[in-house]
């Protein structure tokens, strides 16, 4: 039973999150042949202020992009 655990920054619509879950399920099914009913997907959403890369948070990066 594959379990796919994904963490993303908050800010996507429910439809976008649902599409991600659908695509991850399909990819696991194609890649390893797991029955769709046995594939589990968990999407965790983190506030943009709690996620950073290169010591710049997602929120800071988004703010800088809107200022340009």
PDB file of N, CA and C in Angstrom:
ATOM      1  N   UNK A   1       0.843  -1.170   0.000  1.00  0.00           N
ATOM      2  CA  UNK A   1       0.000   0.000   0.000  1.00  0.00           C
ATOM      3  C   UNK A   1       0.894   1.241   0.000  1.00  0.00           C
ATOM      4  N   UNK A   2       1.060   1.888  -1.151  1.00  0.00           N
ATOM      5  CA  UNK A   2       1.874   3.104  -1.203  1.00  0.00           C
ATOM      6  C   UNK A   2       1.237   4.233  -0.398  1.00  0.00           C
ATOM      7  N   UNK A   3       2.090   4.966   0.301  1.00  0.00           N
ATOM      8  CA  UNK A   3       1.659   6.156   1.035  1.00  0.00           C
ATOM      9  C   UNK A   3       2.519   7.314   0.550  1.00  0.00           C
ATOM     10  N   UNK A   4       1.892   8.303  -0.063  1.00  0.00           N
ATOM     11  CA  UNK A   4       2.593   9.466  -0.606  1.00  0.00           C
ATOM     12  C   UNK A   4       2.286  10.646   0.301  1.00  0.00           C
ATOM     13  N   UNK A   5       3.340  11.223   0.884  1.00  0.00           N
ATOM     14  CA  UNK A   5       3.203  12.330   1.820  1.00  0.00           C
ATOM     15  C   UNK A   5       3.856  13.555   1.190  1.00  0.00           C
ATOM     16  N   UNK A   6       3.063  14.586   0.932  1.00  0.00           N
ATOM     17  CA  UNK A   6       3.543  15.775   0.236  1.00  0.00           C
ATOM     18  C   UNK A   6       3.326  16.994   1.128  1.00  0.00           C
ATOM     19  N   UNK A   7       4.331  17.848   1.199  1.00  0.00           N
ATOM     20  CA  UNK A   7       4.206  19.100   1.932  1.00  0.00           C
ATOM     21  C   UNK A   7       4.352  20.244   0.942  1.00  0.00           C
ATOM     22  N   UNK A   8       3.377  21.155   0.955  1.00  0.00           N
ATOM     23  CA  UNK A   8       3.403  22.317   0.071  1.00  0.00           C
ATOM     24  C   UNK A   8       3.093  23.569   0.890  1.00  0.00           C
ATOM     25  N   UNK A   9       3.466  24.717   0.355  1.00  0.00           N
ATOM     26  CA  UNK A   9       3.109  25.980   0.994  1.00  0.00           C
ATOM     27  C   UNK A   9       1.616  26.230   0.781  1.00  0.00           C
ATOM     28  N   UNK A  10       0.959  26.788   1.791  1.00  0.00           N
ATOM     29  CA  UNK A  10      -0.453  27.144   1.672  1.00  0.00           C
ATOM     30  C   UNK A  10      -0.641  28.154   0.555  1.00  0.00           C
ATOM     31  N   UNK A  11      -1.841  28.159   0.019  1.00  0.00           N
ATOM     32  CA  UNK A  11      -2.153  29.176  -0.972  1.00  0.00           C
ATOM     33  C   UNK A  11      -2.778  28.624  -2.234  1.00  0.00           C
ATOM     34  N   UNK A  12      -2.876  27.308  -2.343  1.00  0.00           N
ATOM     35  CA  UNK A  12      -3.527  26.725  -3.513  1.00  0.00           C
ATOM     36  C   UNK A  12      -5.016  26.540  -3.240  1.00  0.00           C
ATOM     37  N   UNK A  13      -5.763  26.530  -4.301  1.00  0.00           N
ATOM     38  CA  UNK A  13      -7.203  26.326  -4.168  1.00  0.00           C
ATOM     39  C   UNK A  13      -7.485  24.854  -3.858  1.00  0.00           C
ATOM     40  N   UNK A  14      -8.656  24.556  -3.309  1.00  0.00           N
ATOM     41  CA  UNK A  14      -9.022  23.157  -3.085  1.00  0.00           C
ATOM     42  C   UNK A  14      -8.979  22.336  -4.377  1.00  0.00           C
ATOM     43  N   UNK A  15      -9.349  22.946  -5.493  1.00  0.00           N
ATOM     44  CA  UNK A  15      -9.296  22.233  -6.769  1.00  0.00           C
ATOM     45  C   UNK A  15      -7.866  21.888  -7.166  1.00  0.00           C
ATOM     46  N   UNK A  16      -6.928  22.792  -6.902  1.00  0.00           N
ATOM     47  CA  UNK A  16      -5.521  22.521  -7.216  1.00  0.00           C
ATOM     48  C   UNK A  16      -4.966  21.403  -6.344  1.00  0.00           C
ATOM     49  N   UNK A  17      -5.303  21.427  -5.073  1.00  0.00           N
ATOM     50  CA  UNK A  17      -4.845  20.359  -4.164  1.00  0.00           C
ATOM     51  C   UNK A  17      -5.452  19.030  -4.592  1.00  0.00           C
ATOM     52  N   UNK A  18      -6.708  19.039  -4.948  1.00  0.00           N
ATOM     53  CA  UNK A  18      -7.368  17.808  -5.401  1.00  0.00           C
ATOM     54  C   UNK A  18      -6.725  17.281  -6.671  1.00  0.00           C
ATOM     55  N   UNK A  19      -6.382  18.175  -7.608  1.00  0.00           N
ATOM     56  CA  UNK A  19      -5.713  17.771  -8.849  1.00  0.00           C
ATOM     57  C   UNK A  19      -4.356  17.146  -8.551  1.00  0.00           C
ATOM     58  N   UNK A  20      -3.627  17.719  -7.597  1.00  0.00           N
ATOM     59  CA  UNK A  20      -2.336  17.157  -7.200  1.00  0.00           C
ATOM     60  C   UNK A  20      -2.512  15.739  -6.672  1.00  0.00           C
ATOM     61  N   UNK A  21      -3.492  15.541  -5.821  1.00  0.00           N
ATOM     62  CA  UNK A  21      -3.751  14.211  -5.269  1.00  0.00           C
ATOM     63  C   UNK A  21      -4.103  13.214  -6.376  1.00  0.00           C
ATOM     64  N   UNK A  22      -4.920  13.656  -7.305  1.00  0.00           N
ATOM     65  CA  UNK A  22      -5.320  12.795  -8.427  1.00  0.00           C
ATOM     66  C   UNK A  22      -4.102  12.396  -9.263  1.00  0.00           C
ATOM     67  N   UNK A  23      -3.250  13.371  -9.575  1.00  0.00           N
ATOM     68  CA  UNK A  23      -2.070  13.101 -10.409  1.00  0.00           C
ATOM     69  C   UNK A  23      -1.053  12.217  -9.690  1.00  0.00           C
ATOM     70  N   UNK A  24      -0.865  12.430  -8.392  1.00  0.00           N
ATOM     71  CA  UNK A  24       0.062  11.581  -7.636  1.00  0.00           C
ATOM     72  C   UNK A  24      -0.438  10.147  -7.576  1.00  0.00           C
ATOM     73  N   UNK A  25      -1.736   9.982  -7.391  1.00  0.00           N
ATOM     74  CA  UNK A  25      -2.313   8.641  -7.384  1.00  0.00           C
ATOM     75  C   UNK A  25      -2.093   7.957  -8.728  1.00  0.00           C
ATOM     76  N   UNK A  26      -2.376   8.670  -9.807  1.00  0.00           N
ATOM     77  CA  UNK A  26      -2.201   8.107 -11.145  1.00  0.00           C
ATOM     78  C   UNK A  26      -0.741   7.756 -11.419  1.00  0.00           C
ATOM     79  N   UNK A  27       0.182   8.617 -10.978  1.00  0.00           N
ATOM     80  CA  UNK A  27       1.608   8.363 -11.193  1.00  0.00           C
ATOM     81  C   UNK A  27       2.069   7.112 -10.455  1.00  0.00           C
ATOM     82  N   UNK A  28       1.632   6.955  -9.209  1.00  0.00           N
ATOM     83  CA  UNK A  28       2.004   5.760  -8.449  1.00  0.00           C
ATOM     84  C   UNK A  28       1.432   4.510  -9.099  1.00  0.00           C
ATOM     85  N   UNK A  29       0.212   4.608  -9.574  1.00  0.00           N
ATOM     86  CA  UNK A  29      -0.420   3.474 -10.250  1.00  0.00           C
ATOM     87  C   UNK A  29       0.371   3.091 -11.507  1.00  0.00           C
ATOM     88  N   UNK A  30       0.734   4.091 -12.315  1.00  0.00           N
ATOM     89  CA  UNK A  30       1.505   3.826 -13.538  1.00  0.00           C
ATOM     90  C   UNK A  30       2.895   3.282 -13.222  1.00  0.00           C
ATOM     91  N   UNK A  31       3.556   3.869 -12.250  1.00  0.00           N
ATOM     92  CA  UNK A  31       4.952   3.536 -11.977  1.00  0.00           C
ATOM     93  C   UNK A  31       5.136   2.154 -11.367  1.00  0.00           C
ATOM     94  N   UNK A  32       4.266   1.789 -10.433  1.00  0.00           N
ATOM     95  CA  UNK A  32       4.494   0.521  -9.728  1.00  0.00           C
ATOM     96  C   UNK A  32       3.320  -0.441  -9.815  1.00  0.00           C
ATOM     97  N   UNK A  33       2.280  -0.028 -10.519  1.00  0.00           N
ATOM     98  CA  UNK A  33       1.147  -0.921 -10.714  1.00  0.00           C
ATOM     99  C   UNK A  33       0.287  -1.154  -9.489  1.00  0.00           C
ATOM    100  N   UNK A  34       0.408  -0.302  -8.500  1.00  0.00           N
ATOM    101  CA  UNK A  34      -0.419  -0.453  -7.292  1.00  0.00           C
ATOM    102  C   UNK A  34      -1.874  -0.192  -7.644  1.00  0.00           C
ATOM    103  N   UNK A  35      -2.781  -0.982  -7.074  1.00  0.00           N
ATOM    104  CA  UNK A  35      -4.200  -0.698  -7.302  1.00  0.00           C
ATOM    105  C   UNK A  35      -4.558   0.688  -6.753  1.00  0.00           C
ATOM    106  N   UNK A  36      -5.319   1.442  -7.526  1.00  0.00           N
ATOM    107  CA  UNK A  36      -5.680   2.810  -7.131  1.00  0.00           C
ATOM    108  C   UNK A  36      -6.309   2.831  -5.739  1.00  0.00           C
ATOM    109  N   UNK A  37      -7.135   1.856  -5.430  1.00  0.00           N
ATOM    110  CA  UNK A  37      -7.807   1.823  -4.125  1.00  0.00           C
ATOM    111  C   UNK A  37      -6.833   1.651  -2.962  1.00  0.00           C
ATOM    112  N   UNK A  38      -5.623   1.198  -3.242  1.00  0.00           N
ATOM    113  CA  UNK A  38      -4.630   0.982  -2.189  1.00  0.00           C
ATOM    114  C   UNK A  38      -3.646   2.139  -2.024  1.00  0.00           C
ATOM    115  N   UNK A  39      -3.732   3.145  -2.862  1.00  0.00           N
ATOM    116  CA  UNK A  39      -2.788   4.264  -2.822  1.00  0.00           C
ATOM    117  C   UNK A  39      -3.336   5.342  -1.891  1.00  0.00           C
ATOM    118  N   UNK A  40      -2.510   5.771  -0.965  1.00  0.00           N
ATOM    119  CA  UNK A  40      -2.874   6.829  -0.012  1.00  0.00           C
ATOM    120  C   UNK A  40      -2.053   8.080  -0.314  1.00  0.00           C
ATOM    121  N   UNK A  41      -2.690   9.231  -0.279  1.00  0.00           N
ATOM    122  CA  UNK A  41      -2.002  10.508  -0.504  1.00  0.00           C
ATOM    123  C   UNK A  41      -2.386  11.445   0.627  1.00  0.00           C
ATOM    124  N   UNK A  42      -1.379  12.048   1.252  1.00  0.00           N
ATOM    125  CA  UNK A  42      -1.593  13.032   2.304  1.00  0.00           C
ATOM    126  C   UNK A  42      -0.911  14.334   1.885  1.00  0.00           C
ATOM    127  N   UNK A  43      -1.671  15.408   1.798  1.00  0.00           N
ATOM    128  CA  UNK A  43      -1.115  16.716   1.450  1.00  0.00           C
ATOM    129  C   UNK A  43      -1.144  17.581   2.697  1.00  0.00           C
ATOM    130  N   UNK A  44       0.030  18.041   3.089  1.00  0.00           N
ATOM    131  CA  UNK A  44       0.163  18.925   4.250  1.00  0.00           C
ATOM    132  C   UNK A  44       0.469  20.328   3.730  1.00  0.00           C
ATOM    133  N   UNK A  45      -0.247  21.299   4.248  1.00  0.00           N
ATOM    134  CA  UNK A  45      -0.023  22.679   3.833  1.00  0.00           C
ATOM    135  C   UNK A  45       0.619  23.455   4.979  1.00  0.00           C
ATOM    136  N   UNK A  46       1.701  24.136   4.647  1.00  0.00           N
ATOM    137  CA  UNK A  46       2.493  24.881   5.624  1.00  0.00           C
ATOM    138  C   UNK A  46       2.347  26.374   5.327  1.00  0.00           C
ATOM    139  N   UNK A  47       2.188  27.206   6.349  1.00  0.00           N
ATOM    140  CA  UNK A  47       2.124  28.650   6.097  1.00  0.00           C
ATOM    141  C   UNK A  47       3.393  29.124   5.376  1.00  0.00           C
ATOM    142  N   UNK A  48       3.270  30.036   4.423  1.00  0.00           N
ATOM    143  CA  UNK A  48       4.429  30.526   3.673  1.00  0.00           C
ATOM    144  C   UNK A  48       5.512  31.133   4.560  1.00  0.00           C
ATOM    145  N   UNK A  49       5.146  31.570   5.757  1.00  0.00           N
ATOM    146  CA  UNK A  49       6.141  32.137   6.677  1.00  0.00           C
ATOM    147  C   UNK A  49       6.933  31.049   7.400  1.00  0.00           C
ATOM    148  N   UNK A  50       6.522  29.801   7.257  1.00  0.00           N
ATOM    149  CA  UNK A  50       7.178  28.689   7.949  1.00  0.00           C
ATOM    150  C   UNK A  50       7.972  27.803   7.002  1.00  0.00           C
ATOM    151  N   UNK A  51       8.254  28.280   5.802  1.00  0.00           N
ATOM    152  CA  UNK A  51       8.961  27.481   4.799  1.00  0.00           C
ATOM    153  C   UNK A  51      10.017  28.373   4.172  1.00  0.00           C
ATOM    154  N   UNK A  52      11.255  27.922   4.179  1.00  0.00           N
ATOM    155  CA  UNK A  52      12.299  28.741   3.565  1.00  0.00           C
ATOM    156  C   UNK A  52      13.247  27.894   2.729  1.00  0.00           C
ATOM    157  N   UNK A  53      13.899  28.562   1.806  1.00  0.00           N
ATOM    158  CA  UNK A  53      14.971  27.985   1.001  1.00  0.00           C
ATOM    159  C   UNK A  53      16.023  29.067   0.861  1.00  0.00           C
ATOM    160  N   UNK A  54      17.261  28.737   1.174  1.00  0.00           N
ATOM    161  CA  UNK A  54      18.311  29.740   1.105  1.00  0.00           C
ATOM    162  C   UNK A  54      18.078  30.887   2.062  1.00  0.00           C
ATOM    163  N   UNK A  55      17.468  30.603   3.204  1.00  0.00           N
ATOM    164  CA  UNK A  55      17.171  31.581   4.251  1.00  0.00           C
ATOM    165  C   UNK A  55      16.202  32.672   3.804  1.00  0.00           C
ATOM    166  N   UNK A  56      15.377  32.367   2.808  1.00  0.00           N
ATOM    167  CA  UNK A  56      14.325  33.283   2.374  1.00  0.00           C
ATOM    168  C   UNK A  56      13.015  32.508   2.441  1.00  0.00           C
ATOM    169  N   UNK A  57      12.055  33.034   3.182  1.00  0.00           N
ATOM    170  CA  UNK A  57      10.781  32.323   3.294  1.00  0.00           C
ATOM    171  C   UNK A  57       9.983  32.463   1.996  1.00  0.00           C
ATOM    172  N   UNK A  58       9.044  31.571   1.818  1.00  0.00           N
ATOM    173  CA  UNK A  58       8.151  31.650   0.659  1.00  0.00           C
ATOM    174  C   UNK A  58       7.416  32.990   0.682  1.00  0.00           C
ATOM    175  N   UNK A  59       6.979  33.422   1.856  1.00  0.00           N
ATOM    176  CA  UNK A  59       6.268  34.706   1.968  1.00  0.00           C
ATOM    177  C   UNK A  59       7.161  35.862   1.528  1.00  0.00           C
ATOM    178  N   UNK A  60       8.422  35.840   1.937  1.00  0.00           N
ATOM    179  CA  UNK A  60       9.350  36.907   1.536  1.00  0.00           C
ATOM    180  C   UNK A  60       9.582  36.880   0.027  1.00  0.00           C
ATOM    181  N   UNK A  61       9.717  35.678  -0.542  1.00  0.00           N
ATOM    182  CA  UNK A  61       9.920  35.545  -1.973  1.00  0.00           C
ATOM    183  C   UNK A  61       8.694  36.054  -2.743  1.00  0.00           C
ATOM    184  N   UNK A  62       7.499  35.707  -2.248  1.00  0.00           N
ATOM    185  CA  UNK A  62       6.265  36.177  -2.894  1.00  0.00           C
ATOM    186  C   UNK A  62       6.160  37.698  -2.825  1.00  0.00           C
ATOM    187  N   UNK A  63       6.507  38.276  -1.679  1.00  0.00           N
ATOM    188  CA  UNK A  63       6.444  39.730  -1.533  1.00  0.00           C
ATOM    189  C   UNK A  63       7.429  40.419  -2.478  1.00  0.00           C
ATOM    190  N   UNK A  64       8.615  39.843  -2.604  1.00  0.00           N
ATOM    191  CA  UNK A  64       9.621  40.432  -3.500  1.00  0.00           C
ATOM    192  C   UNK A  64       9.155  40.357  -4.957  1.00  0.00           C
ATOM    193  N   UNK A  65       8.474  39.287  -5.322  1.00  0.00           N
ATOM    194  CA  UNK A  65       7.993  39.127  -6.698  1.00  0.00           C
ATOM    195  C   UNK A  65       6.870  40.104  -7.026  1.00  0.00           C
ATOM    196  N   UNK A  66       6.063  40.473  -6.037  1.00  0.00           N
ATOM    197  CA  UNK A  66       4.976  41.418  -6.295  1.00  0.00           C
ATOM    198  C   UNK A  66       5.479  42.853  -6.339  1.00  0.00           C
ATOM    199  N   UNK A  67       6.634  43.096  -5.726  1.00  0.00           N
ATOM    200  CA  UNK A  67       7.215  44.444  -5.721  1.00  0.00           C
ATOM    201  C   UNK A  67       7.924  44.748  -7.036  1.00  0.00           C
ATOM    202  N   UNK A  68       8.319  43.722  -7.761  1.00  0.00           N
ATOM    203  CA  UNK A  68       9.068  43.933  -9.011  1.00  0.00           C
ATOM    204  C   UNK A  68       8.194  44.362 -10.150  1.00  0.00           C
TER     205      UNK A  68
END
